[in-house]
Amino acid sequence: MLLGSHLRRLREARGITREAAGYSIRASESKISRMELGRVSFKTRDVEDLLTLYGVNDEAERNALLSLAREANVAGWWHSYSDVLPNWFPTYVGLEGAASLIRAYEVQFVHGLLQTPAYARAVVERGMKGASPADIERRVALRMERQKYLHSTGGPEFHVVLDEAALRRPYGDREVMRGQLQHLIEISERPNVRLQIMPFGFGGHSGESGAFTILSFPESDLSDVIFLEQLTSALYLDKAEDVTQYEKAMKELQQDSPGPDESRDLLRGLLQLS
């Protein structure tokens, strides 16, 4: 995405159309569009030809962008889990691992970055009926691996609003749910985690369309990306008008939900009842 954004700026600065850029590398206009959005891999030769077309002759600048192209093609750690990953999910894992701020609303279950192994196993077993125990454990391992980024030095800010429904809907037995609630109380104390609960008592709210995630990146020239998971696929939205609507919904959810301290009290109350 970062390289694609650089290439787009260079092309626009020279007043070159996507069609003309595509012609220069024996590709279509849509290929250039996908490259600029970071949706395809980069061939070094194509990047070299585009840089020449865009008048980038400075050796240091060319080398920096070509190095970025090589980095963009390196497989991420999650590729070792490709046997159990839906074909649309690696894109999300890559974006999640590059984000500096993750904002999310969940209603069906606890967000994957906050799940305990036992709770994650119960969720996966429910969603992958008939799967082998080995495949289930691989999915759980992937989820735990994703969480390492959240706990790492320099990890992202994570602001999440969980609907009370996600906390009252049981996955696994009583001990699994108690363990999950206790984990939420503990992890909500982390300085980079802001956890809020949207209580039933509030009534209707701006999260009526369902769960969503907003990913923001440290590079100022990268737009936020909205992730919407579906049953057999996912949507990635980055148009300004879409991002604005979801950011407004998230802001309202955060304003309407009890703050982190009150939300922890709500979690403690649910733990006592479980």
Protein backbone atom coordinates (compact mmCIF):
# COMPACT_ATOMS: atom_id res chain seq x y z
CA MET A 1 0.00 0.00 0.00
CA LEU A 2 2.82 2.39 0.88
CA LEU A 3 4.66 1.74 -2.37
CA GLY A 4 1.44 1.99 -4.36
CA SER A 5 0.69 5.34 -2.72
CA HIS A 6 4.17 6.62 -3.68
CA LEU A 7 3.71 5.48 -7.27
CA ARG A 8 0.29 7.14 -7.50
CA ARG A 9 1.68 10.48 -6.26
CA LEU A 10 4.57 10.31 -8.71
CA ARG A 11 2.22 9.51 -11.61
CA GLU A 12 -0.21 12.30 -10.74
CA ALA A 13 2.64 14.82 -10.29
CA ARG A 14 3.70 14.13 -13.89
CA GLY A 15 0.13 14.31 -15.18
CA ILE A 16 0.29 10.75 -16.54
CA THR A 17 -2.92 8.74 -16.83
CA ARG A 18 -3.26 5.21 -15.46
CA GLU A 19 -3.85 4.05 -19.03
CA ALA A 20 -0.52 5.52 -20.19
CA ALA A 21 1.28 4.08 -17.18
CA GLY A 22 -0.20 0.67 -17.89
CA TYR A 23 0.87 0.83 -21.54
CA SER A 24 4.46 1.51 -20.47
CA ILE A 25 4.65 -1.78 -18.54
CA ARG A 26 2.51 -3.81 -20.95
CA ALA A 27 -0.43 -3.86 -18.54
CA SER A 28 -3.98 -2.54 -18.28
CA GLU A 29 -5.25 0.57 -16.55
CA SER A 30 -6.91 -1.66 -13.94
CA LYS A 31 -3.52 -3.27 -13.18
CA ILE A 32 -2.07 0.17 -12.38
CA SER A 33 -5.09 0.88 -10.18
CA ARG A 34 -4.57 -2.38 -8.26
CA MET A 35 -0.85 -1.64 -7.89
CA GLU A 36 -1.55 1.83 -6.50
CA LEU A 37 -4.01 0.37 -4.00
CA GLY A 38 -1.52 -2.28 -2.92
CA ARG A 39 -3.77 -5.10 -4.08
CA VAL A 40 -1.20 -6.98 -6.22
CA SER A 41 2.43 -7.98 -5.95
CA PHE A 42 5.12 -5.86 -7.62
CA LYS A 43 7.57 -6.95 -10.30
CA THR A 44 10.89 -5.13 -9.95
CA ARG A 45 11.03 -4.57 -13.70
CA ASP A 46 7.59 -2.91 -13.68
CA VAL A 47 8.54 -0.60 -10.83
CA GLU A 48 11.80 0.32 -12.58
CA ASP A 49 9.94 1.15 -15.80
CA LEU A 50 7.33 3.23 -13.96
CA LEU A 51 9.99 5.18 -12.07
CA THR A 52 11.70 5.97 -15.39
CA LEU A 53 8.37 7.06 -16.88
CA TYR A 54 7.70 9.27 -13.87
CA GLY A 55 11.10 10.94 -14.17
CA VAL A 56 12.62 9.50 -11.01
CA ASN A 57 16.30 9.53 -11.93
CA ASP A 58 17.86 10.08 -8.51
CA GLU A 59 19.66 6.85 -7.65
CA ALA A 60 18.96 7.03 -3.91
CA GLU A 61 15.22 7.58 -4.44
CA ARG A 62 15.02 4.79 -7.01
CA ASN A 63 16.87 2.36 -4.74
CA ALA A 64 14.63 3.21 -1.79
CA LEU A 65 11.46 2.52 -3.80
CA LEU A 66 12.87 -0.64 -5.36
CA SER A 67 13.81 -1.86 -1.89
CA LEU A 68 10.24 -1.17 -0.81
CA ALA A 69 9.03 -3.24 -3.78
CA ARG A 70 11.17 -6.19 -2.68
CA GLU A 71 9.87 -5.90 0.90
CA ALA A 72 6.29 -5.80 -0.37
CA ASN A 73 6.75 -9.20 -2.00
CA VAL A 74 8.11 -10.94 1.09
CA ALA A 75 5.56 -13.42 2.47
CA GLY A 76 4.29 -12.55 5.96
CA TRP A 77 4.37 -14.96 8.91
CA TRP A 78 0.69 -15.76 8.36
CA HIS A 79 1.41 -17.47 5.05
CA SER A 80 2.51 -20.53 7.01
CA TYR A 81 -1.15 -20.82 8.06
CA SER A 82 -2.48 -20.66 4.50
CA ASP A 83 -3.86 -24.19 4.83
CA VAL A 84 -6.50 -22.96 7.29
CA LEU A 85 -6.90 -19.34 6.18
CA PRO A 86 -9.86 -18.26 4.02
CA ASN A 87 -8.46 -16.75 0.81
CA TRP A 88 -9.74 -13.28 1.75
CA PHE A 89 -8.26 -13.20 5.27
CA PRO A 90 -4.48 -12.86 4.65
CA THR A 91 -5.09 -9.33 3.38
CA TYR A 92 -6.67 -8.41 6.69
CA VAL A 93 -3.94 -9.99 8.80
CA GLY A 94 -1.32 -8.07 6.83
CA LEU A 95 -3.18 -4.78 7.26
CA GLU A 96 -3.75 -5.47 10.96
CA GLY A 97 -0.04 -6.09 11.45
CA ALA A 98 0.84 -2.78 9.76
CA ALA A 99 -1.71 -0.63 11.59
CA SER A 100 -0.79 1.85 14.32
CA LEU A 101 -4.41 2.27 15.44
CA ILE A 102 -7.13 -0.38 15.32
CA ARG A 103 -10.70 0.60 16.16
CA ALA A 104 -13.38 -2.07 16.23
CA TYR A 105 -16.97 -2.81 17.14
CA GLU A 106 -18.02 -6.40 17.83
CA VAL A 107 -21.44 -7.81 18.57
CA GLN A 108 -21.36 -11.56 17.93
CA PHE A 109 -18.34 -12.53 20.02
CA VAL A 110 -15.26 -11.09 21.70
CA HIS A 111 -12.80 -9.58 19.22
CA GLY A 112 -10.12 -12.03 18.06
CA LEU A 113 -7.29 -9.91 19.50
CA LEU A 114 -8.85 -10.25 22.97
CA GLN A 115 -9.83 -13.93 22.98
CA THR A 116 -8.36 -16.50 25.35
CA PRO A 117 -7.18 -19.79 23.77
CA ALA A 118 -10.12 -21.69 25.30
CA TYR A 119 -12.68 -19.14 24.10
CA ALA A 120 -11.05 -18.97 20.65
CA ARG A 121 -11.21 -22.77 20.41
CA ALA A 122 -14.93 -22.73 21.24
CA VAL A 123 -15.56 -20.04 18.60
CA VAL A 124 -13.60 -21.92 15.94
CA GLU A 125 -15.29 -25.23 16.74
CA ARG A 126 -18.68 -23.55 16.37
CA GLY A 127 -17.75 -21.92 13.07
CA MET A 128 -15.91 -24.90 11.56
CA LYS A 129 -18.23 -27.81 12.25
CA GLY A 130 -16.71 -31.04 11.00
CA ALA A 131 -13.17 -29.66 10.92
CA SER A 132 -10.39 -31.90 12.18
CA PRO A 133 -8.92 -31.23 15.63
CA ALA A 134 -5.62 -30.36 13.93
CA ASP A 135 -7.24 -27.69 11.74
CA ILE A 136 -9.04 -26.23 14.74
CA GLU A 137 -5.80 -25.99 16.70
CA ARG A 138 -4.10 -24.34 13.71
CA ARG A 139 -6.82 -21.68 13.62
CA VAL A 140 -6.46 -21.08 17.36
CA ALA A 141 -2.67 -20.84 17.00
CA LEU A 142 -3.08 -18.25 14.24
CA ARG A 143 -5.34 -16.16 16.47
CA MET A 144 -2.84 -16.29 19.32
CA GLU A 145 -0.03 -15.34 16.93
CA ARG A 146 -1.99 -12.27 15.83
CA GLN A 147 -2.26 -11.17 19.45
CA LYS A 148 1.52 -10.97 19.83
CA TYR A 149 1.54 -7.76 17.80
CA LEU A 150 -0.88 -6.16 20.25
CA HIS A 151 1.42 -7.02 23.16
CA SER A 152 4.69 -6.15 21.43
CA THR A 153 6.81 -3.09 22.08
CA GLY A 154 5.51 -0.39 19.78
CA GLY A 155 2.30 -2.33 19.21
CA PRO A 156 -0.83 -0.57 17.97
CA GLU A 157 -3.40 1.39 19.91
CA PHE A 158 -6.48 -0.80 20.13
CA HIS A 159 -9.83 0.85 20.81
CA VAL A 160 -12.70 -1.63 20.88
CA VAL A 161 -16.38 -1.44 21.74
CA LEU A 162 -17.94 -4.80 22.60
CA ASP A 163 -21.70 -5.12 22.57
CA GLU A 164 -23.00 -6.65 25.80
CA ALA A 165 -24.52 -9.39 23.63
CA ALA A 166 -20.99 -10.65 22.86
CA LEU A 167 -20.34 -11.10 26.58
CA ARG A 168 -23.60 -12.84 27.39
CA ARG A 169 -23.56 -15.24 24.45
CA PRO A 170 -21.78 -18.36 25.75
CA TYR A 171 -18.98 -20.01 23.80
CA GLY A 172 -17.69 -23.05 25.64
CA ASP A 173 -18.66 -23.93 29.19
CA ARG A 174 -18.96 -21.75 32.30
CA GLU A 175 -15.24 -21.84 33.05
CA VAL A 176 -14.36 -20.78 29.50
CA MET A 177 -16.63 -17.74 29.78
CA ARG A 178 -15.34 -16.85 33.26
CA GLY A 179 -11.79 -17.05 31.98
CA GLN A 180 -12.64 -14.82 29.04
CA LEU A 181 -14.30 -12.19 31.22
CA GLN A 182 -11.33 -12.18 33.63
CA HIS A 183 -8.96 -11.81 30.66
CA LEU A 184 -10.91 -8.80 29.37
CA ILE A 185 -10.69 -7.13 32.78
CA GLU A 186 -6.93 -7.66 32.87
CA ILE A 187 -6.13 -6.70 29.28
CA SER A 188 -8.27 -3.56 29.52
CA GLU A 189 -5.65 -2.23 31.96
CA ARG A 190 -2.98 -2.22 29.24
CA PRO A 191 -1.98 1.32 28.21
CA ASN A 192 -2.57 0.67 24.50
CA VAL A 193 -6.01 -0.94 24.97
CA ARG A 194 -9.22 1.04 25.39
CA LEU A 195 -12.10 -1.36 26.01
CA GLN A 196 -15.70 -0.18 26.26
CA ILE A 197 -18.94 -2.10 26.62
CA MET A 198 -22.14 -1.03 24.86
CA PRO A 199 -24.83 -2.12 27.36
CA PHE A 200 -28.24 -3.50 26.46
CA GLY A 201 -29.81 -0.70 28.47
CA PHE A 202 -28.70 1.96 25.98
CA GLY A 203 -31.07 0.69 23.30
CA GLY A 204 -30.47 1.43 19.61
CA HIS A 205 -27.08 2.86 18.64
CA SER A 206 -24.81 3.66 15.68
CA GLY A 207 -23.50 0.08 15.43
CA GLU A 208 -26.81 -1.17 14.06
CA SER A 209 -25.25 -2.36 10.80
CA GLY A 210 -23.04 -4.89 12.61
CA ALA A 211 -19.37 -5.44 13.37
CA PHE A 212 -16.64 -3.44 11.64
CA THR A 213 -12.97 -2.58 12.04
CA ILE A 214 -11.14 0.64 11.13
CA LEU A 215 -7.41 0.30 10.45
CA SER A 216 -5.18 3.39 10.54
CA PHE A 217 -1.51 3.43 9.52
CA PRO A 218 1.55 5.42 10.63
CA GLU A 219 2.22 6.67 7.09
CA SER A 220 0.29 9.92 6.71
CA ASP A 221 -0.34 9.34 3.01
CA LEU A 222 -2.19 6.05 3.57
CA SER A 223 -5.94 6.26 3.97
CA ASP A 224 -7.78 4.36 6.68
CA VAL A 225 -9.25 1.00 5.65
CA ILE A 226 -12.62 -0.33 6.78
CA PHE A 227 -12.83 -4.11 7.16
CA LEU A 228 -16.22 -5.81 6.99
CA GLU A 229 -16.24 -9.58 7.43
CA GLN A 230 -18.93 -11.58 5.65
CA LEU A 231 -19.85 -15.26 5.66
CA THR A 232 -17.73 -16.26 2.65
CA SER A 233 -15.73 -13.10 1.90
CA ALA A 234 -14.82 -9.65 3.18
CA LEU A 235 -15.04 -6.04 2.07
CA TYR A 236 -12.18 -3.55 2.29
CA LEU A 237 -13.35 0.04 1.96
CA ASP A 238 -11.00 3.00 1.63
CA LYS A 239 -13.03 5.64 -0.19
CA ALA A 240 -13.14 8.86 1.82
CA GLU A 241 -16.94 8.95 2.02
CA ASP A 242 -17.11 5.37 3.36
CA VAL A 243 -14.34 5.93 5.89
CA THR A 244 -16.02 9.11 7.12
CA GLN A 245 -19.31 7.31 7.80
CA TYR A 246 -17.68 4.48 9.74
CA GLU A 247 -15.47 6.84 11.72
CA LYS A 248 -18.58 8.80 12.66
CA ALA A 249 -20.31 5.58 13.78
CA MET A 250 -17.27 4.58 15.85
CA LYS A 251 -17.05 7.99 17.48
CA GLU A 252 -20.72 7.82 18.46
CA LEU A 253 -20.29 4.28 19.83
CA GLN A 254 -17.39 5.46 21.98
CA GLN A 255 -19.32 8.51 23.18
CA ASP A 256 -22.49 6.53 23.98
CA SER A 257 -20.76 3.62 25.74
CA PRO A 258 -19.57 3.79 29.36
CA GLY A 259 -15.89 4.70 29.67
CA PRO A 260 -13.14 2.14 30.28
CA ASP A 261 -13.41 2.27 34.10
CA GLU A 262 -17.21 1.87 34.09
CA SER A 263 -16.89 -0.86 31.46
CA ARG A 264 -14.49 -2.77 33.72
CA ASP A 265 -17.08 -2.54 36.49
CA LEU A 266 -19.67 -3.98 34.10
CA LEU A 267 -17.28 -6.84 33.31
CA ARG A 268 -16.74 -7.52 37.01
CA GLY A 269 -20.50 -7.63 37.50
CA LEU A 270 -20.90 -10.15 34.69
CA LEU A 271 -18.05 -12.22 36.15
CA GLN A 272 -19.83 -12.42 39.51
CA LEU A 273 -23.01 -13.55 37.78
CA SER A 274 -21.31 -16.21 35.65
